[in-house]
Amino acid sequence: MPDRWPPADALGSLEAELVSSGHALIELTTRDAWLAFLRFGQRRFDTASSPDSDGLLFQYGTYSFSGPPMFTLDLTRQFDISDEDGEHDHFLQIHCELLYTPDQLLRDLSSFTSWFFHDSDDNIDRWAEAMSVRLEPLSRHKPTQINLHAERI
């Protein structure tokens, strides 16, 4: 195995982490998905060594993207993909979206967004601890759906 994986392998890598417990995606708890995302987030991929080339995004809120409003926890990894000349070409985002039927507690959470970037002065363990605190209100809720997908931006 290479020291750093190609970003094209990231979606498969995340999926492997999520099902490593032997459970189907829909059987995972919020905590299971978060811990799998953190393992995936600590794996380094072959990206430029600039501070914004490999980032983790933790965001949530109640949205109505395709149907009734759902509380969505979106755990995303973003890679800056360069062209043959080393110039920015596009971003590749790998999403793990956990959807919940919104109740008053989830609606009261409003929305939240936080980024972590490898190769910056930030510390992934400190960021993960702060985001874990944000997950506490979700500990009593089970996702009704978990979606994985890659998106070119």
N, C-alpha and C. Protein backbone atom coordinates (compact mmCIF):
# COMPACT_ATOMS: atom_id res chain seq x y z
N MET A 1 0.83 -1.19 0.00
CA MET A 1 0.00 0.00 0.00
C MET A 1 0.87 1.25 0.00
N PRO A 2 0.49 2.22 -0.76
CA PRO A 2 1.29 3.45 -0.79
C PRO A 2 1.15 4.22 0.51
N ASP A 3 2.15 5.10 0.77
CA ASP A 3 2.06 5.94 1.96
C ASP A 3 0.85 6.86 1.89
N ARG A 4 0.60 7.39 0.70
CA ARG A 4 -0.54 8.27 0.49
C ARG A 4 -1.37 7.75 -0.67
N TRP A 5 -2.64 7.63 -0.45
CA TRP A 5 -3.55 7.09 -1.44
C TRP A 5 -3.98 8.17 -2.42
N PRO A 6 -4.35 7.81 -3.65
CA PRO A 6 -4.87 8.81 -4.58
C PRO A 6 -6.27 9.24 -4.14
N PRO A 7 -6.61 10.51 -4.29
CA PRO A 7 -7.95 10.98 -3.92
C PRO A 7 -9.07 10.20 -4.62
N ALA A 8 -8.80 9.66 -5.80
CA ALA A 8 -9.83 8.89 -6.51
C ALA A 8 -10.27 7.67 -5.71
N ASP A 9 -9.45 7.21 -4.78
CA ASP A 9 -9.78 6.05 -3.95
C ASP A 9 -10.50 6.43 -2.65
N ALA A 10 -10.75 7.71 -2.45
CA ALA A 10 -11.26 8.18 -1.16
C ALA A 10 -12.67 7.67 -0.84
N LEU A 11 -13.57 7.66 -1.81
CA LEU A 11 -14.93 7.21 -1.53
C LEU A 11 -14.93 5.75 -1.09
N GLY A 12 -14.18 4.92 -1.77
CA GLY A 12 -14.08 3.51 -1.39
C GLY A 12 -13.44 3.34 -0.02
N SER A 13 -12.47 4.19 0.28
CA SER A 13 -11.81 4.14 1.58
C SER A 13 -12.78 4.49 2.71
N LEU A 14 -13.59 5.54 2.49
CA LEU A 14 -14.58 5.91 3.49
C LEU A 14 -15.61 4.79 3.68
N GLU A 15 -16.09 4.25 2.59
CA GLU A 15 -17.08 3.17 2.68
C GLU A 15 -16.51 1.97 3.43
N ALA A 16 -15.25 1.64 3.17
CA ALA A 16 -14.61 0.52 3.87
C ALA A 16 -14.54 0.78 5.37
N GLU A 17 -14.22 2.01 5.75
CA GLU A 17 -14.19 2.35 7.18
C GLU A 17 -15.57 2.21 7.80
N LEU A 18 -16.59 2.67 7.09
CA LEU A 18 -17.95 2.64 7.64
C LEU A 18 -18.47 1.22 7.85
N VAL A 19 -18.13 0.31 6.96
CA VAL A 19 -18.64 -1.06 7.09
C VAL A 19 -17.65 -2.00 7.75
N SER A 20 -16.53 -1.47 8.24
CA SER A 20 -15.51 -2.33 8.86
C SER A 20 -16.02 -3.06 10.10
N SER A 21 -17.08 -2.55 10.71
CA SER A 21 -17.65 -3.21 11.89
C SER A 21 -18.50 -4.41 11.52
N GLY A 22 -18.75 -4.59 10.22
CA GLY A 22 -19.57 -5.70 9.77
C GLY A 22 -21.05 -5.37 9.69
N HIS A 23 -21.42 -4.12 9.97
CA HIS A 23 -22.81 -3.69 9.91
C HIS A 23 -23.10 -2.99 8.58
N ALA A 24 -24.34 -3.07 8.15
CA ALA A 24 -24.78 -2.32 6.98
C ALA A 24 -24.81 -0.84 7.33
N LEU A 25 -24.70 0.03 6.33
CA LEU A 25 -24.69 1.47 6.59
C LEU A 25 -25.87 1.91 7.44
N ILE A 26 -27.07 1.47 7.13
CA ILE A 26 -28.25 1.94 7.83
C ILE A 26 -28.29 1.48 9.29
N GLU A 27 -27.50 0.49 9.64
CA GLU A 27 -27.45 0.01 11.03
C GLU A 27 -26.51 0.84 11.89
N LEU A 28 -25.71 1.71 11.27
CA LEU A 28 -24.72 2.47 12.03
C LEU A 28 -25.38 3.56 12.88
N THR A 29 -24.80 3.78 14.04
CA THR A 29 -25.22 4.90 14.86
C THR A 29 -24.45 6.14 14.41
N THR A 30 -24.85 7.28 14.92
CA THR A 30 -24.12 8.51 14.61
C THR A 30 -22.68 8.39 15.07
N ARG A 31 -22.48 7.85 16.26
CA ARG A 31 -21.12 7.68 16.80
C ARG A 31 -20.29 6.75 15.91
N ASP A 32 -20.88 5.63 15.47
CA ASP A 32 -20.16 4.70 14.58
C ASP A 32 -19.68 5.43 13.32
N ALA A 33 -20.58 6.20 12.71
CA ALA A 33 -20.23 6.92 11.48
C ALA A 33 -19.16 7.97 11.75
N TRP A 34 -19.28 8.69 12.85
CA TRP A 34 -18.29 9.72 13.20
C TRP A 34 -16.91 9.10 13.41
N LEU A 35 -16.84 8.01 14.15
CA LEU A 35 -15.53 7.38 14.41
C LEU A 35 -14.93 6.84 13.10
N ALA A 36 -15.76 6.28 12.23
CA ALA A 36 -15.26 5.81 10.93
C ALA A 36 -14.77 6.99 10.09
N PHE A 37 -15.51 8.10 10.12
CA PHE A 37 -15.09 9.29 9.38
C PHE A 37 -13.76 9.81 9.92
N LEU A 38 -13.57 9.78 11.22
CA LEU A 38 -12.29 10.25 11.79
C LEU A 38 -11.13 9.35 11.37
N ARG A 39 -11.36 8.03 11.35
CA ARG A 39 -10.29 7.13 10.87
C ARG A 39 -9.96 7.46 9.42
N PHE A 40 -10.98 7.66 8.61
CA PHE A 40 -10.81 8.04 7.21
C PHE A 40 -10.11 9.40 7.14
N GLY A 41 -10.49 10.33 7.99
CA GLY A 41 -9.92 11.67 7.99
C GLY A 41 -8.45 11.71 8.38
N GLN A 42 -8.00 10.72 9.13
CA GLN A 42 -6.60 10.68 9.53
C GLN A 42 -5.71 10.05 8.47
N ARG A 43 -6.31 9.30 7.56
CA ARG A 43 -5.55 8.70 6.45
C ARG A 43 -5.16 9.82 5.49
N ARG A 44 -3.91 9.86 5.12
CA ARG A 44 -3.43 10.91 4.21
C ARG A 44 -3.53 10.44 2.77
N PHE A 45 -3.90 11.39 1.93
CA PHE A 45 -4.03 11.14 0.49
C PHE A 45 -2.99 11.97 -0.24
N ASP A 46 -2.74 11.61 -1.49
CA ASP A 46 -1.72 12.25 -2.30
C ASP A 46 -2.26 13.59 -2.83
N THR A 47 -2.01 14.63 -2.06
CA THR A 47 -2.43 15.98 -2.43
C THR A 47 -1.23 16.91 -2.28
N ALA A 48 -1.38 18.11 -2.79
CA ALA A 48 -0.33 19.12 -2.60
C ALA A 48 -0.18 19.38 -1.10
N SER A 49 0.97 19.89 -0.70
CA SER A 49 1.21 20.13 0.72
C SER A 49 0.78 21.54 1.15
N SER A 50 -0.11 22.16 0.40
CA SER A 50 -0.61 23.48 0.79
C SER A 50 -1.67 23.31 1.88
N PRO A 51 -1.85 24.30 2.72
CA PRO A 51 -2.75 24.17 3.88
C PRO A 51 -4.22 23.95 3.54
N ASP A 52 -4.63 24.16 2.31
CA ASP A 52 -6.04 23.98 2.00
C ASP A 52 -6.30 22.87 0.98
N SER A 53 -5.33 21.98 0.79
CA SER A 53 -5.49 20.94 -0.24
C SER A 53 -6.21 19.69 0.26
N ASP A 54 -6.33 19.52 1.56
CA ASP A 54 -6.97 18.33 2.13
C ASP A 54 -7.70 18.75 3.39
N GLY A 55 -9.02 18.86 3.30
CA GLY A 55 -9.80 19.36 4.43
C GLY A 55 -10.93 18.46 4.83
N LEU A 56 -11.31 18.56 6.09
CA LEU A 56 -12.47 17.86 6.64
C LEU A 56 -13.51 18.90 7.01
N LEU A 57 -14.74 18.64 6.66
CA LEU A 57 -15.84 19.54 6.94
C LEU A 57 -16.88 18.82 7.78
N PHE A 58 -17.28 19.45 8.86
CA PHE A 58 -18.34 18.96 9.75
C PHE A 58 -19.43 20.01 9.71
N GLN A 59 -20.61 19.63 9.23
CA GLN A 59 -21.70 20.61 9.16
C GLN A 59 -23.03 19.93 9.38
N TYR A 60 -23.97 20.69 9.96
CA TYR A 60 -25.31 20.17 10.12
C TYR A 60 -26.33 21.28 10.06
N GLY A 61 -27.58 20.86 9.87
CA GLY A 61 -28.71 21.78 9.83
C GLY A 61 -29.92 21.04 9.29
N THR A 62 -31.06 21.70 9.33
CA THR A 62 -32.29 21.13 8.79
C THR A 62 -32.52 21.73 7.42
N TYR A 63 -32.58 20.84 6.41
CA TYR A 63 -32.67 21.28 5.03
C TYR A 63 -33.72 20.45 4.29
N SER A 64 -34.21 21.00 3.20
CA SER A 64 -35.17 20.32 2.35
C SER A 64 -34.60 20.27 0.93
N PHE A 65 -33.57 19.44 0.73
CA PHE A 65 -32.92 19.36 -0.57
C PHE A 65 -33.75 18.57 -1.58
N SER A 66 -34.36 17.49 -1.14
CA SER A 66 -35.13 16.64 -2.06
C SER A 66 -36.26 15.96 -1.30
N GLY A 67 -37.27 16.75 -0.95
CA GLY A 67 -38.40 16.19 -0.21
C GLY A 67 -38.64 16.97 1.07
N PRO A 68 -39.19 16.29 2.06
CA PRO A 68 -39.49 16.98 3.32
C PRO A 68 -38.21 17.39 4.04
N PRO A 69 -38.29 18.40 4.89
CA PRO A 69 -37.10 18.82 5.64
C PRO A 69 -36.54 17.68 6.49
N MET A 70 -35.22 17.54 6.45
CA MET A 70 -34.52 16.53 7.25
C MET A 70 -33.35 17.21 7.94
N PHE A 71 -33.08 16.79 9.16
CA PHE A 71 -31.86 17.25 9.82
C PHE A 71 -30.73 16.46 9.18
N THR A 72 -29.72 17.15 8.69
CA THR A 72 -28.62 16.52 7.96
C THR A 72 -27.30 16.80 8.64
N LEU A 73 -26.58 15.74 8.98
CA LEU A 73 -25.20 15.84 9.43
C LEU A 73 -24.35 15.44 8.23
N ASP A 74 -23.57 16.37 7.72
CA ASP A 74 -22.75 16.13 6.52
C ASP A 74 -21.29 16.13 6.94
N LEU A 75 -20.67 14.97 6.84
CA LEU A 75 -19.24 14.80 7.12
C LEU A 75 -18.56 14.71 5.76
N THR A 76 -17.70 15.67 5.45
CA THR A 76 -17.16 15.78 4.09
C THR A 76 -15.64 15.87 4.14
N ARG A 77 -15.01 15.24 3.17
CA ARG A 77 -13.56 15.41 2.95
C ARG A 77 -13.42 16.10 1.61
N GLN A 78 -12.61 17.16 1.58
CA GLN A 78 -12.42 17.91 0.34
C GLN A 78 -10.95 17.90 -0.06
N PHE A 79 -10.71 17.56 -1.33
CA PHE A 79 -9.37 17.55 -1.89
C PHE A 79 -9.27 18.60 -2.98
N ASP A 80 -8.18 19.34 -2.99
CA ASP A 80 -7.88 20.27 -4.07
C ASP A 80 -7.14 19.46 -5.13
N ILE A 81 -7.73 19.32 -6.30
CA ILE A 81 -7.15 18.53 -7.38
C ILE A 81 -6.48 19.48 -8.36
N SER A 82 -5.22 19.22 -8.63
CA SER A 82 -4.44 20.07 -9.53
C SER A 82 -4.37 19.47 -10.93
N ASP A 83 -4.13 20.33 -11.92
CA ASP A 83 -3.94 19.86 -13.29
C ASP A 83 -2.49 19.44 -13.50
N GLU A 84 -2.14 19.11 -14.72
CA GLU A 84 -0.79 18.64 -15.03
C GLU A 84 0.29 19.68 -14.74
N ASP A 85 -0.08 20.96 -14.73
CA ASP A 85 0.87 22.04 -14.45
C ASP A 85 0.94 22.40 -12.97
N GLY A 86 0.21 21.66 -12.14
CA GLY A 86 0.21 21.93 -10.71
C GLY A 86 -0.74 23.04 -10.28
N GLU A 87 -1.57 23.50 -11.22
CA GLU A 87 -2.55 24.55 -10.92
C GLU A 87 -3.88 23.93 -10.48
N HIS A 88 -4.62 24.65 -9.65
CA HIS A 88 -5.92 24.17 -9.20
C HIS A 88 -6.82 23.87 -10.40
N ASP A 89 -7.42 22.69 -10.41
CA ASP A 89 -8.35 22.30 -11.47
C ASP A 89 -9.78 22.25 -10.92
N HIS A 90 -9.95 21.55 -9.81
CA HIS A 90 -11.27 21.44 -9.19
C HIS A 90 -11.11 20.89 -7.78
N PHE A 91 -12.20 20.86 -7.05
CA PHE A 91 -12.24 20.21 -5.75
C PHE A 91 -13.00 18.89 -5.90
N LEU A 92 -12.59 17.90 -5.15
CA LEU A 92 -13.30 16.64 -5.04
C LEU A 92 -13.79 16.54 -3.61
N GLN A 93 -15.10 16.41 -3.44
CA GLN A 93 -15.67 16.27 -2.10
C GLN A 93 -16.25 14.87 -1.95
N ILE A 94 -15.93 14.24 -0.83
CA ILE A 94 -16.44 12.92 -0.48
C ILE A 94 -17.38 13.14 0.70
N HIS A 95 -18.66 12.86 0.50
CA HIS A 95 -19.69 13.14 1.51
C HIS A 95 -20.18 11.87 2.20
N CYS A 96 -20.37 11.98 3.49
CA CYS A 96 -21.12 11.01 4.28
C CYS A 96 -22.23 11.80 4.95
N GLU A 97 -23.44 11.65 4.43
CA GLU A 97 -24.59 12.41 4.92
C GLU A 97 -25.47 11.49 5.77
N LEU A 98 -25.71 11.91 6.99
CA LEU A 98 -26.60 11.21 7.89
C LEU A 98 -27.87 12.04 8.01
N LEU A 99 -29.01 11.44 7.70
CA LEU A 99 -30.29 12.15 7.71
C LEU A 99 -31.13 11.66 8.90
N TYR A 100 -31.80 12.62 9.54
CA TYR A 100 -32.63 12.35 10.71
C TYR A 100 -33.98 13.03 10.53
N THR A 101 -35.02 12.39 11.04
CA THR A 101 -36.32 13.05 11.10
C THR A 101 -36.21 14.16 12.13
N PRO A 102 -36.46 15.39 11.72
CA PRO A 102 -36.24 16.49 12.66
C PRO A 102 -37.31 16.54 13.74
N ASP A 103 -36.85 16.69 14.97
CA ASP A 103 -37.75 16.97 16.08
C ASP A 103 -37.34 18.34 16.64
N GLN A 104 -37.97 18.76 17.69
CA GLN A 104 -37.69 20.11 18.20
C GLN A 104 -36.24 20.25 18.65
N LEU A 105 -35.68 19.23 19.28
CA LEU A 105 -34.28 19.29 19.73
C LEU A 105 -33.35 19.52 18.54
N LEU A 106 -33.56 18.80 17.45
CA LEU A 106 -32.70 18.96 16.27
C LEU A 106 -32.92 20.30 15.61
N ARG A 107 -34.16 20.74 15.53
CA ARG A 107 -34.42 22.07 14.96
C ARG A 107 -33.74 23.16 15.79
N ASP A 108 -33.73 22.98 17.10
CA ASP A 108 -33.12 23.97 17.99
C ASP A 108 -31.60 24.06 17.81
N LEU A 109 -30.99 23.01 17.25
CA LEU A 109 -29.55 23.06 17.01
C LEU A 109 -29.19 24.07 15.93
N SER A 110 -30.17 24.45 15.12
CA SER A 110 -29.96 25.39 14.03
C SER A 110 -28.96 24.78 13.04
N SER A 111 -27.95 25.55 12.63
CA SER A 111 -26.96 25.02 11.70
C SER A 111 -25.56 25.34 12.23
N PHE A 112 -24.60 24.57 11.78
CA PHE A 112 -23.22 24.71 12.25
C PHE A 112 -22.29 24.20 11.17
N THR A 113 -21.12 24.84 11.04
CA THR A 113 -20.10 24.44 10.07
C THR A 113 -18.72 24.63 10.69
N SER A 114 -17.85 23.63 10.52
CA SER A 114 -16.46 23.76 10.97
C SER A 114 -15.55 22.97 10.03
N TRP A 115 -14.41 23.59 9.68
CA TRP A 115 -13.40 22.97 8.81
C TRP A 115 -12.16 22.61 9.61
N PHE A 116 -11.50 21.55 9.17
CA PHE A 116 -10.13 21.22 9.61
C PHE A 116 -9.33 20.98 8.33
N PHE A 117 -8.11 21.50 8.28
CA PHE A 117 -7.24 21.26 7.12
C PHE A 117 -5.92 20.64 7.56
N HIS A 118 -5.59 19.51 6.91
CA HIS A 118 -4.26 18.93 7.09
C HIS A 118 -3.24 19.95 6.57
N ASP A 119 -2.02 19.85 7.01
CA ASP A 119 -0.92 20.73 6.59
C ASP A 119 -1.16 22.18 6.98
N SER A 120 -1.98 22.38 8.01
CA SER A 120 -2.16 23.72 8.59
C SER A 120 -1.64 23.63 10.03
N ASP A 121 -1.77 24.69 10.75
CA ASP A 121 -1.31 24.69 12.14
C ASP A 121 -2.32 24.07 13.10
N ASP A 122 -3.47 23.65 12.59
CA ASP A 122 -4.51 23.08 13.44
C ASP A 122 -4.15 21.64 13.81
N ASN A 123 -4.79 21.13 14.85
CA ASN A 123 -4.55 19.78 15.35
C ASN A 123 -5.83 18.97 15.17
N ILE A 124 -5.75 17.86 14.45
CA ILE A 124 -6.95 17.07 14.14
C ILE A 124 -7.59 16.50 15.41
N ASP A 125 -6.80 16.12 16.39
CA ASP A 125 -7.39 15.57 17.62
C ASP A 125 -8.18 16.63 18.39
N ARG A 126 -7.66 17.82 18.44
CA ARG A 126 -8.36 18.93 19.12
C ARG A 126 -9.66 19.26 18.37
N TRP A 127 -9.60 19.32 17.03
CA TRP A 127 -10.79 19.58 16.22
C TRP A 127 -11.82 18.47 16.42
N ALA A 128 -11.37 17.21 16.38
CA ALA A 128 -12.28 16.07 16.53
C ALA A 128 -12.96 16.09 17.89
N GLU A 129 -12.24 16.45 18.92
CA GLU A 129 -12.82 16.52 20.26
C GLU A 129 -13.91 17.60 20.31
N ALA A 130 -13.64 18.75 19.72
CA ALA A 130 -14.63 19.84 19.70
C ALA A 130 -15.87 19.42 18.90
N MET A 131 -15.69 18.70 17.80
CA MET A 131 -16.83 18.27 17.00
C MET A 131 -17.60 17.15 17.71
N SER A 132 -16.90 16.32 18.45
CA SER A 132 -17.57 15.25 19.21
C SER A 132 -18.56 15.83 20.21
N VAL A 133 -18.21 16.95 20.82
CA VAL A 133 -19.12 17.63 21.74
C VAL A 133 -20.38 18.06 20.99
N ARG A 134 -20.21 18.51 19.76
CA ARG A 134 -21.35 18.93 18.94
C ARG A 134 -22.28 17.76 18.61
N LEU A 135 -21.76 16.53 18.66
CA LEU A 135 -22.56 15.35 18.34
C LEU A 135 -23.43 14.88 19.51
N GLU A 136 -23.15 15.36 20.71
CA GLU A 136 -23.89 14.89 21.89
C GLU A 136 -25.40 14.92 21.72
N PRO A 137 -26.00 16.01 21.22
CA PRO A 137 -27.46 16.02 21.07
C PRO A 137 -27.98 14.94 20.10
N LEU A 138 -27.12 14.46 19.22
CA LEU A 138 -27.54 13.43 18.27
C LEU A 138 -27.45 12.01 18.83
N SER A 139 -26.87 11.87 20.02
CA SER A 139 -26.66 10.53 20.56
C SER A 139 -27.97 9.79 20.81
N ARG A 140 -29.06 10.52 20.99
CA ARG A 140 -30.38 9.91 21.22
C ARG A 140 -31.14 9.70 19.92
N HIS A 141 -30.54 10.06 18.80
CA HIS A 141 -31.21 9.95 17.50
C HIS A 141 -30.47 8.96 16.61
N LYS A 142 -31.23 8.14 15.90
CA LYS A 142 -30.63 7.22 14.93
C LYS A 142 -30.89 7.77 13.54
N PRO A 143 -29.87 7.77 12.68
CA PRO A 143 -30.11 8.23 11.31
C PRO A 143 -31.16 7.37 10.62
N THR A 144 -32.02 8.01 9.85
CA THR A 144 -33.00 7.26 9.07
C THR A 144 -32.42 6.86 7.71
N GLN A 145 -31.33 7.53 7.34
CA GLN A 145 -30.69 7.25 6.06
C GLN A 145 -29.24 7.73 6.13
N ILE A 146 -28.35 6.99 5.47
CA ILE A 146 -26.95 7.39 5.35
C ILE A 146 -26.60 7.32 3.87
N ASN A 147 -26.12 8.45 3.34
CA ASN A 147 -25.76 8.52 1.92
C ASN A 147 -24.27 8.81 1.77
N LEU A 148 -23.64 8.11 0.87
CA LEU A 148 -22.24 8.36 0.51
C LEU A 148 -22.19 8.77 -0.95
N HIS A 149 -21.43 9.80 -1.24
CA HIS A 149 -21.24 10.16 -2.64
C HIS A 149 -20.03 11.09 -2.81
N ALA A 150 -19.53 11.10 -4.02
CA ALA A 150 -18.42 11.98 -4.40
C ALA A 150 -18.99 13.07 -5.28
N GLU A 151 -18.42 14.25 -5.16
CA GLU A 151 -18.90 15.40 -5.92
C GLU A 151 -17.71 16.23 -6.41
N ARG A 152 -17.71 16.52 -7.69
CA ARG A 152 -16.68 17.38 -8.27
C ARG A 152 -17.20 18.82 -8.26
N ILE A 153 -16.41 19.71 -7.71
CA ILE A 153 -16.82 21.13 -7.61
C ILE A 153 -15.81 21.99 -8.32
